N, C-alpha and C. Protein backbone atom coordinates (compact mmCIF):
# COMPACT_ATOMS: atom_id res chain seq x y z
N MET A 1 63.21 45.09 -48.40
CA MET A 1 62.30 46.10 -47.91
C MET A 1 62.73 47.45 -48.48
N ASP A 2 61.77 48.21 -49.01
CA ASP A 2 62.07 49.53 -49.54
C ASP A 2 62.17 50.51 -48.39
N THR A 3 63.35 51.11 -48.25
CA THR A 3 63.54 52.05 -47.15
C THR A 3 63.78 53.47 -47.65
N SER A 4 63.48 53.72 -48.94
CA SER A 4 63.70 55.06 -49.47
C SER A 4 62.88 56.07 -48.68
N GLY A 5 63.52 57.11 -48.31
CA GLY A 5 62.88 58.13 -47.49
C GLY A 5 62.80 57.78 -46.02
N ARG A 6 63.22 56.56 -45.66
CA ARG A 6 63.20 56.13 -44.26
C ARG A 6 64.52 55.44 -43.93
N PRO A 7 65.65 56.17 -43.95
CA PRO A 7 66.95 55.52 -43.76
C PRO A 7 67.09 54.83 -42.42
N TRP A 8 66.31 55.21 -41.42
CA TRP A 8 66.42 54.57 -40.11
C TRP A 8 65.94 53.12 -40.15
N LEU A 9 65.21 52.73 -41.21
CA LEU A 9 64.75 51.35 -41.33
C LEU A 9 65.75 50.45 -42.04
N ALA A 10 66.71 51.05 -42.72
CA ALA A 10 67.66 50.24 -43.49
C ALA A 10 68.53 49.40 -42.57
N PRO A 11 68.63 48.08 -42.85
CA PRO A 11 69.50 47.25 -42.02
C PRO A 11 70.96 47.64 -42.21
N LEU A 12 71.73 47.51 -41.16
CA LEU A 12 73.15 47.81 -41.24
C LEU A 12 73.89 46.61 -41.81
N PRO A 13 74.90 46.85 -42.63
CA PRO A 13 75.68 45.73 -43.16
C PRO A 13 76.53 45.11 -42.06
N GLN A 14 76.92 43.84 -42.27
CA GLN A 14 77.84 43.20 -41.34
C GLN A 14 79.10 44.05 -41.29
N GLY A 15 79.69 44.14 -40.13
CA GLY A 15 80.88 44.98 -39.98
C GLY A 15 80.53 46.45 -39.87
N GLY A 16 79.22 46.75 -39.79
CA GLY A 16 78.77 48.13 -39.73
C GLY A 16 78.87 48.71 -38.34
N SER A 17 78.14 49.78 -38.13
CA SER A 17 78.22 50.52 -36.88
C SER A 17 77.95 49.67 -35.65
N HIS A 18 76.92 48.81 -35.73
CA HIS A 18 76.58 48.01 -34.55
C HIS A 18 77.72 47.08 -34.17
N ASP A 19 78.37 46.47 -35.17
CA ASP A 19 79.51 45.60 -34.87
C ASP A 19 80.63 46.40 -34.23
N ARG A 20 80.90 47.59 -34.77
CA ARG A 20 81.96 48.43 -34.21
C ARG A 20 81.60 48.88 -32.80
N LEU A 21 80.32 49.22 -32.58
CA LEU A 21 79.91 49.64 -31.24
C LEU A 21 80.03 48.50 -30.25
N ALA A 22 79.63 47.30 -30.65
CA ALA A 22 79.76 46.16 -29.74
C ALA A 22 81.22 45.90 -29.42
N ARG A 23 82.09 46.00 -30.42
CA ARG A 23 83.52 45.79 -30.20
C ARG A 23 84.06 46.88 -29.29
N ALA A 24 83.68 48.13 -29.54
CA ALA A 24 84.15 49.24 -28.70
C ALA A 24 83.68 49.07 -27.26
N ARG A 25 82.43 48.61 -27.10
CA ARG A 25 81.91 48.41 -25.75
C ARG A 25 82.71 47.35 -25.01
N ARG A 26 83.12 46.30 -25.73
CA ARG A 26 83.91 45.24 -25.09
C ARG A 26 85.31 45.71 -24.78
N GLU A 27 85.87 46.60 -25.62
CA GLU A 27 87.27 47.00 -25.47
C GLU A 27 87.46 48.15 -24.50
N LEU A 28 86.46 49.00 -24.34
CA LEU A 28 86.60 50.15 -23.45
C LEU A 28 86.34 49.74 -22.01
N PRO A 29 87.11 50.31 -21.07
CA PRO A 29 86.80 50.01 -19.68
C PRO A 29 85.41 50.55 -19.35
N THR A 30 84.69 49.83 -18.55
CA THR A 30 83.34 50.27 -18.22
C THR A 30 83.32 50.81 -16.80
N THR A 31 82.52 51.82 -16.62
CA THR A 31 82.32 52.39 -15.31
C THR A 31 81.05 51.78 -14.75
N ALA A 32 81.14 51.24 -13.55
CA ALA A 32 79.93 50.68 -12.93
C ALA A 32 78.96 51.82 -12.69
N ARG A 33 77.79 51.68 -13.20
CA ARG A 33 76.76 52.70 -13.04
C ARG A 33 75.67 52.18 -12.12
N THR A 34 74.95 53.12 -11.58
CA THR A 34 73.78 52.76 -10.81
C THR A 34 72.75 52.19 -11.78
N GLY A 35 72.22 51.02 -11.47
CA GLY A 35 71.24 50.40 -12.35
C GLY A 35 69.98 51.22 -12.46
N ARG A 36 69.55 51.45 -13.67
CA ARG A 36 68.32 52.21 -13.90
C ARG A 36 67.22 51.36 -14.50
N VAL A 37 67.61 50.20 -15.07
CA VAL A 37 66.62 49.35 -15.72
C VAL A 37 67.01 47.89 -15.52
N GLU A 38 66.00 47.05 -15.31
CA GLU A 38 66.23 45.62 -15.16
C GLU A 38 65.00 44.87 -15.64
N LEU A 39 65.12 43.56 -15.71
CA LEU A 39 64.01 42.69 -16.09
C LEU A 39 63.52 41.93 -14.87
N THR A 40 62.23 41.64 -14.84
CA THR A 40 61.71 40.74 -13.81
C THR A 40 62.14 39.32 -14.17
N PRO A 41 62.11 38.40 -13.21
CA PRO A 41 62.42 37.01 -13.56
C PRO A 41 61.53 36.49 -14.69
N ALA A 42 60.26 36.89 -14.71
CA ALA A 42 59.36 36.44 -15.78
C ALA A 42 59.79 36.95 -17.15
N ALA A 43 60.45 38.10 -17.19
CA ALA A 43 60.86 38.69 -18.46
C ALA A 43 62.27 38.30 -18.89
N GLU A 44 63.04 37.67 -18.00
CA GLU A 44 64.46 37.38 -18.29
C GLU A 44 64.68 36.60 -19.58
N ASP A 45 63.87 35.59 -19.84
CA ASP A 45 64.14 34.69 -20.96
C ASP A 45 63.67 35.23 -22.31
N LEU A 46 62.66 36.08 -22.32
CA LEU A 46 62.07 36.51 -23.58
C LEU A 46 63.05 37.24 -24.51
N PRO A 47 63.85 38.20 -24.04
CA PRO A 47 64.82 38.83 -24.96
C PRO A 47 65.79 37.81 -25.57
N ARG A 48 66.18 36.81 -24.80
CA ARG A 48 67.08 35.78 -25.34
C ARG A 48 66.38 34.96 -26.43
N ARG A 49 65.11 34.61 -26.19
CA ARG A 49 64.36 33.87 -27.21
C ARG A 49 64.18 34.72 -28.46
N LEU A 50 63.87 36.00 -28.27
CA LEU A 50 63.69 36.89 -29.42
C LEU A 50 65.00 37.03 -30.20
N THR A 51 66.13 37.08 -29.48
CA THR A 51 67.44 37.15 -30.13
C THR A 51 67.68 35.88 -30.93
N GLY A 52 67.30 34.73 -30.40
CA GLY A 52 67.46 33.48 -31.12
C GLY A 52 66.67 33.46 -32.42
N THR A 53 65.53 34.11 -32.44
CA THR A 53 64.68 34.14 -33.63
C THR A 53 65.05 35.27 -34.59
N HIS A 54 65.36 36.45 -34.05
CA HIS A 54 65.51 37.66 -34.87
C HIS A 54 66.92 38.20 -34.93
N GLY A 55 67.86 37.60 -34.23
CA GLY A 55 69.19 38.18 -34.11
C GLY A 55 69.19 39.19 -32.97
N PRO A 56 70.29 39.93 -32.81
CA PRO A 56 70.38 40.89 -31.70
C PRO A 56 69.20 41.86 -31.69
N VAL A 57 68.69 42.12 -30.49
CA VAL A 57 67.54 43.00 -30.34
C VAL A 57 67.88 44.16 -29.43
N LEU A 58 67.02 45.14 -29.41
CA LEU A 58 67.13 46.27 -28.49
C LEU A 58 65.75 46.61 -27.98
N PHE A 59 65.72 47.30 -26.86
CA PHE A 59 64.47 47.85 -26.34
C PHE A 59 64.48 49.35 -26.59
N HIS A 60 63.31 49.88 -26.90
CA HIS A 60 63.12 51.32 -26.94
C HIS A 60 61.79 51.60 -26.25
N GLN A 61 61.83 52.46 -25.26
CA GLN A 61 60.61 52.82 -24.55
C GLN A 61 59.80 53.74 -25.44
N SER A 62 58.61 53.28 -25.84
CA SER A 62 57.78 54.12 -26.70
C SER A 62 57.31 55.33 -25.91
N GLY A 63 57.08 56.39 -26.59
CA GLY A 63 56.67 57.63 -25.93
C GLY A 63 55.19 57.87 -26.02
N GLY A 64 54.39 56.81 -26.00
CA GLY A 64 52.95 56.95 -26.11
C GLY A 64 52.35 57.67 -24.93
N CYS A 65 51.13 58.01 -25.07
CA CYS A 65 50.40 58.72 -24.02
C CYS A 65 49.78 57.73 -23.04
N CYS A 66 49.78 58.08 -21.80
CA CYS A 66 49.07 57.33 -20.76
C CYS A 66 49.46 55.86 -20.76
N ASP A 67 48.50 54.97 -20.98
CA ASP A 67 48.79 53.54 -20.99
C ASP A 67 49.44 53.10 -22.30
N GLY A 68 49.59 54.00 -23.26
CA GLY A 68 50.18 53.63 -24.54
C GLY A 68 51.69 53.59 -24.54
N SER A 69 52.32 53.91 -23.44
CA SER A 69 53.77 53.91 -23.35
C SER A 69 54.22 52.53 -22.89
N ALA A 70 55.09 51.89 -23.70
CA ALA A 70 55.52 50.52 -23.36
C ALA A 70 56.91 50.26 -23.92
N PRO A 71 57.66 49.36 -23.29
CA PRO A 71 58.93 48.95 -23.87
C PRO A 71 58.66 48.16 -25.15
N MET A 72 59.35 48.51 -26.20
CA MET A 72 59.17 47.83 -27.49
C MET A 72 60.47 47.13 -27.85
N GLY A 73 60.38 45.90 -28.32
CA GLY A 73 61.55 45.15 -28.75
C GLY A 73 61.67 45.17 -30.26
N TYR A 74 62.86 45.49 -30.77
CA TYR A 74 63.11 45.57 -32.21
C TYR A 74 64.42 44.87 -32.55
N PRO A 75 64.53 44.35 -33.78
CA PRO A 75 65.86 43.90 -34.22
C PRO A 75 66.79 45.11 -34.27
N ARG A 76 68.03 44.96 -33.84
CA ARG A 76 68.94 46.11 -33.76
C ARG A 76 69.14 46.80 -35.10
N GLY A 77 69.18 46.08 -36.18
CA GLY A 77 69.41 46.72 -37.48
C GLY A 77 68.22 47.45 -38.04
N GLU A 78 67.05 47.31 -37.42
CA GLU A 78 65.85 47.94 -37.96
C GLU A 78 65.43 49.20 -37.22
N LEU A 79 66.04 49.48 -36.10
CA LEU A 79 65.75 50.72 -35.39
C LEU A 79 67.07 51.26 -34.86
N ARG A 80 67.39 52.44 -35.27
CA ARG A 80 68.63 53.07 -34.79
C ARG A 80 68.28 54.12 -33.75
N ALA A 81 69.12 54.20 -32.76
CA ALA A 81 68.92 55.23 -31.74
C ALA A 81 69.10 56.60 -32.37
N GLY A 82 68.18 57.50 -32.05
CA GLY A 82 68.30 58.86 -32.53
C GLY A 82 69.31 59.63 -31.68
N ALA A 83 69.76 60.74 -32.20
CA ALA A 83 70.76 61.54 -31.50
C ALA A 83 70.30 61.94 -30.10
N ALA A 84 68.99 62.13 -29.92
CA ALA A 84 68.47 62.56 -28.63
C ALA A 84 68.01 61.40 -27.76
N ASP A 85 68.21 60.16 -28.20
CA ASP A 85 67.85 59.01 -27.37
C ASP A 85 68.90 58.80 -26.29
N VAL A 86 68.47 58.28 -25.15
CA VAL A 86 69.34 58.04 -24.00
C VAL A 86 69.43 56.53 -23.77
N LEU A 87 70.65 56.04 -23.59
CA LEU A 87 70.88 54.62 -23.30
C LEU A 87 70.84 54.43 -21.78
N LEU A 88 69.76 53.81 -21.29
CA LEU A 88 69.62 53.63 -19.84
C LEU A 88 70.47 52.51 -19.30
N GLY A 89 70.80 51.56 -20.14
CA GLY A 89 71.59 50.41 -19.71
C GLY A 89 71.35 49.23 -20.61
N HIS A 90 71.81 48.07 -20.16
CA HIS A 90 71.64 46.82 -20.89
C HIS A 90 70.94 45.81 -19.99
N VAL A 91 70.07 45.03 -20.58
CA VAL A 91 69.36 43.97 -19.86
C VAL A 91 69.59 42.66 -20.60
N ALA A 92 69.34 41.56 -19.95
CA ALA A 92 69.47 40.23 -20.57
C ALA A 92 70.81 40.11 -21.30
N GLY A 93 71.87 40.47 -20.60
CA GLY A 93 73.19 40.40 -21.23
C GLY A 93 73.52 41.69 -21.95
N ASP A 94 73.44 41.67 -23.26
CA ASP A 94 73.88 42.80 -24.07
C ASP A 94 72.72 43.46 -24.83
N THR A 95 71.52 43.45 -24.26
CA THR A 95 70.37 44.05 -24.93
C THR A 95 70.21 45.49 -24.46
N PRO A 96 70.50 46.48 -25.33
CA PRO A 96 70.40 47.88 -24.91
C PRO A 96 68.95 48.30 -24.69
N PHE A 97 68.77 49.23 -23.75
CA PHE A 97 67.45 49.79 -23.46
C PHE A 97 67.54 51.30 -23.67
N TRP A 98 66.85 51.79 -24.70
CA TRP A 98 66.88 53.20 -25.08
C TRP A 98 65.56 53.88 -24.73
N MET A 99 65.64 55.20 -24.60
CA MET A 99 64.47 56.02 -24.35
C MET A 99 64.76 57.41 -24.92
N SER A 100 63.73 58.07 -25.44
CA SER A 100 63.95 59.43 -25.95
C SER A 100 64.30 60.35 -24.78
N ALA A 101 65.09 61.37 -25.07
CA ALA A 101 65.50 62.31 -24.02
C ALA A 101 64.29 63.00 -23.40
N ASP A 102 63.30 63.34 -24.22
CA ASP A 102 62.09 63.98 -23.68
C ASP A 102 61.38 63.06 -22.70
N GLU A 103 61.24 61.79 -23.08
CA GLU A 103 60.60 60.82 -22.20
C GLU A 103 61.43 60.63 -20.92
N PHE A 104 62.76 60.63 -21.08
CA PHE A 104 63.64 60.41 -19.94
C PHE A 104 63.48 61.51 -18.88
N THR A 105 63.15 62.73 -19.30
CA THR A 105 62.96 63.78 -18.30
C THR A 105 61.85 63.41 -17.32
N TYR A 106 60.86 62.65 -17.78
CA TYR A 106 59.77 62.23 -16.89
C TYR A 106 60.16 61.03 -16.03
N TRP A 107 61.07 60.20 -16.51
CA TRP A 107 61.43 58.96 -15.83
C TRP A 107 62.77 59.04 -15.10
N SER A 108 63.47 60.15 -15.18
CA SER A 108 64.86 60.23 -14.69
C SER A 108 64.99 59.96 -13.19
N HIS A 109 63.95 60.13 -12.43
CA HIS A 109 64.00 59.92 -10.98
C HIS A 109 63.52 58.52 -10.58
N THR A 110 63.37 57.63 -11.57
CA THR A 110 62.82 56.31 -11.28
C THR A 110 63.76 55.19 -11.73
N HIS A 111 63.59 54.05 -11.08
CA HIS A 111 64.23 52.80 -11.51
C HIS A 111 63.15 52.05 -12.28
N LEU A 112 63.48 51.56 -13.47
CA LEU A 112 62.50 50.91 -14.33
C LEU A 112 62.69 49.41 -14.33
N THR A 113 61.60 48.69 -14.29
CA THR A 113 61.62 47.23 -14.34
C THR A 113 60.72 46.79 -15.48
N VAL A 114 61.30 46.05 -16.42
CA VAL A 114 60.54 45.53 -17.56
C VAL A 114 59.97 44.18 -17.15
N ASP A 115 58.67 44.05 -17.26
CA ASP A 115 57.99 42.80 -16.97
C ASP A 115 57.35 42.29 -18.26
N VAL A 116 56.89 41.06 -18.24
CA VAL A 116 56.16 40.51 -19.37
C VAL A 116 54.86 39.93 -18.82
N VAL A 117 53.76 40.26 -19.49
CA VAL A 117 52.44 39.81 -19.03
C VAL A 117 51.68 39.24 -20.22
N PRO A 118 50.72 38.35 -19.96
CA PRO A 118 49.91 37.84 -21.06
C PRO A 118 49.14 38.98 -21.71
N GLY A 119 48.93 38.86 -22.99
CA GLY A 119 48.16 39.87 -23.71
C GLY A 119 48.83 40.22 -25.02
N ARG A 120 48.21 41.12 -25.71
CA ARG A 120 48.72 41.50 -27.02
C ARG A 120 49.22 42.93 -26.93
N GLY A 121 50.50 43.11 -27.25
CA GLY A 121 51.06 44.45 -27.28
C GLY A 121 50.62 45.19 -28.52
N SER A 122 51.03 46.42 -28.60
CA SER A 122 50.68 47.20 -29.78
C SER A 122 51.93 47.47 -30.59
N GLY A 123 51.72 47.97 -31.76
CA GLY A 123 52.85 48.34 -32.61
C GLY A 123 53.55 47.14 -33.20
N PHE A 124 54.84 47.30 -33.43
CA PHE A 124 55.62 46.29 -34.12
C PHE A 124 56.62 45.61 -33.21
N SER A 125 56.37 45.60 -31.93
CA SER A 125 57.29 44.99 -30.98
C SER A 125 57.36 43.48 -31.22
N LEU A 126 58.57 42.94 -31.11
CA LEU A 126 58.83 41.55 -31.47
C LEU A 126 58.08 40.52 -30.64
N GLU A 127 57.68 40.86 -29.43
CA GLU A 127 57.01 39.87 -28.58
C GLU A 127 55.54 39.67 -28.93
N THR A 128 54.98 40.53 -29.76
CA THR A 128 53.55 40.47 -30.07
C THR A 128 53.08 39.08 -30.51
N PRO A 129 53.77 38.39 -31.44
CA PRO A 129 53.30 37.06 -31.84
C PRO A 129 53.40 36.00 -30.74
N GLU A 130 54.12 36.30 -29.66
CA GLU A 130 54.29 35.34 -28.56
C GLU A 130 53.08 35.31 -27.62
N GLY A 131 52.11 36.21 -27.83
CA GLY A 131 50.94 36.25 -26.96
C GLY A 131 51.19 36.94 -25.63
N VAL A 132 52.27 37.69 -25.56
CA VAL A 132 52.62 38.44 -24.35
C VAL A 132 52.98 39.86 -24.75
N ARG A 133 53.10 40.70 -23.75
CA ARG A 133 53.56 42.07 -24.03
C ARG A 133 54.47 42.51 -22.90
N PHE A 134 55.38 43.41 -23.24
CA PHE A 134 56.25 43.98 -22.22
C PHE A 134 55.48 45.07 -21.49
N LEU A 135 55.75 45.19 -20.21
CA LEU A 135 55.09 46.18 -19.37
C LEU A 135 56.17 46.83 -18.51
N LEU A 136 56.13 48.14 -18.40
CA LEU A 136 57.12 48.86 -17.61
C LEU A 136 56.55 49.16 -16.22
N ARG A 137 57.31 48.78 -15.21
CA ARG A 137 56.97 49.11 -13.82
C ARG A 137 58.06 50.04 -13.31
N SER A 138 57.73 50.87 -12.36
CA SER A 138 58.74 51.81 -11.88
C SER A 138 58.64 51.99 -10.38
N ARG A 139 59.73 52.46 -9.82
CA ARG A 139 59.77 52.87 -8.42
C ARG A 139 60.67 54.09 -8.36
N LEU A 140 60.48 54.92 -7.35
CA LEU A 140 61.35 56.07 -7.17
C LEU A 140 62.75 55.60 -6.80
N LEU A 141 63.76 56.28 -7.33
CA LEU A 141 65.13 55.99 -6.92
C LEU A 141 65.30 56.40 -5.46
N THR A 142 66.12 55.67 -4.75
CA THR A 142 66.39 56.01 -3.35
C THR A 142 67.31 57.22 -3.29
N ASP A 143 67.41 57.84 -2.14
CA ASP A 143 68.33 58.97 -1.97
C ASP A 143 69.76 58.54 -2.27
N GLU A 144 70.14 57.35 -1.83
CA GLU A 144 71.49 56.83 -2.09
C GLU A 144 71.72 56.65 -3.60
N GLU A 145 70.75 56.10 -4.31
CA GLU A 145 70.88 55.93 -5.76
C GLU A 145 71.01 57.29 -6.44
N LEU A 146 70.21 58.25 -6.02
CA LEU A 146 70.28 59.59 -6.61
C LEU A 146 71.65 60.23 -6.37
N ARG A 147 72.22 60.06 -5.17
CA ARG A 147 73.56 60.61 -4.89
C ARG A 147 74.60 59.97 -5.81
N ARG A 148 74.52 58.65 -5.98
CA ARG A 148 75.48 57.97 -6.86
C ARG A 148 75.33 58.44 -8.30
N ILE A 149 74.10 58.58 -8.76
CA ILE A 149 73.85 59.02 -10.14
C ILE A 149 74.43 60.41 -10.37
N GLU A 150 74.29 61.30 -9.39
CA GLU A 150 74.83 62.66 -9.53
C GLU A 150 76.34 62.66 -9.72
N SER A 151 77.03 61.66 -9.18
CA SER A 151 78.49 61.61 -9.30
C SER A 151 78.95 60.86 -10.56
N GLU A 152 78.03 60.27 -11.29
CA GLU A 152 78.38 59.50 -12.49
C GLU A 152 78.35 60.39 -13.72
N PRO A 153 79.08 59.99 -14.77
CA PRO A 153 78.98 60.74 -16.02
C PRO A 153 77.56 60.64 -16.58
N PRO A 154 77.19 61.55 -17.46
CA PRO A 154 75.85 61.48 -18.05
C PRO A 154 75.68 60.15 -18.80
N LEU A 155 74.43 59.73 -18.92
CA LEU A 155 74.14 58.52 -19.68
C LEU A 155 74.50 58.74 -21.15
N PRO A 156 74.96 57.70 -21.83
CA PRO A 156 75.27 57.83 -23.26
C PRO A 156 74.00 58.14 -24.05
N THR A 157 74.18 58.83 -25.16
CA THR A 157 73.06 59.16 -26.04
C THR A 157 73.31 58.56 -27.42
N GLY A 158 72.30 58.62 -28.25
CA GLY A 158 72.47 58.18 -29.63
C GLY A 158 73.54 58.99 -30.33
N ALA A 159 73.67 60.27 -30.00
CA ALA A 159 74.72 61.11 -30.60
C ALA A 159 76.09 60.58 -30.22
N ASP A 160 76.27 60.12 -28.98
CA ASP A 160 77.55 59.54 -28.56
C ASP A 160 77.86 58.29 -29.36
N GLN A 161 76.85 57.48 -29.63
CA GLN A 161 77.06 56.24 -30.37
C GLN A 161 77.49 56.54 -31.80
N VAL A 162 76.87 57.55 -32.42
CA VAL A 162 77.23 57.93 -33.79
C VAL A 162 78.66 58.45 -33.81
N THR A 163 79.00 59.31 -32.86
CA THR A 163 80.36 59.87 -32.80
C THR A 163 81.39 58.77 -32.62
N ARG A 164 81.11 57.83 -31.71
CA ARG A 164 82.05 56.75 -31.46
C ARG A 164 82.19 55.86 -32.70
N SER A 165 81.09 55.59 -33.42
CA SER A 165 81.17 54.71 -34.59
C SER A 165 81.91 55.40 -35.74
N LEU A 166 81.78 56.71 -35.85
CA LEU A 166 82.49 57.42 -36.91
C LEU A 166 83.99 57.47 -36.65
N SER A 167 84.38 57.46 -35.39
CA SER A 167 85.80 57.52 -35.07
C SER A 167 86.44 56.13 -35.06
N ALA A 168 85.64 55.08 -35.17
CA ALA A 168 86.18 53.70 -35.17
C ALA A 168 86.78 53.34 -36.51
């Protein structure tokens, strides 16, 4: 694939940043965070199936308008988190869920649940050929969840990931 002028599309080589980030994530002690994103039981298996077909995947919440905003699944090497993207957490094991910082300002007070429903998604999300699409559902965070979040370190960003990979 020609990626000239679009370096974010270039796949990472084996042993590249993603491998180092995965290794660093396993080696660093983790702080239990308040969950901000999860999958419904109906959505649990799809990221694993997509990983079996495409290799490791990630979610990125598209920043579309109105009903055009949806969780999108991509192969990890084909979409890199931008410096201003926020890592909300991991679902289905080790599948990261990213969102732009601007979008996060609108969703920061909510708990997000990724569901899967019949239909055809838009864009280049990996589930499109499966005849289903990801759908984001939300609820307000409870007062207790908000208190816990206030005491936690800020969520990691794409800039943190780049800094960590450069120091590895």
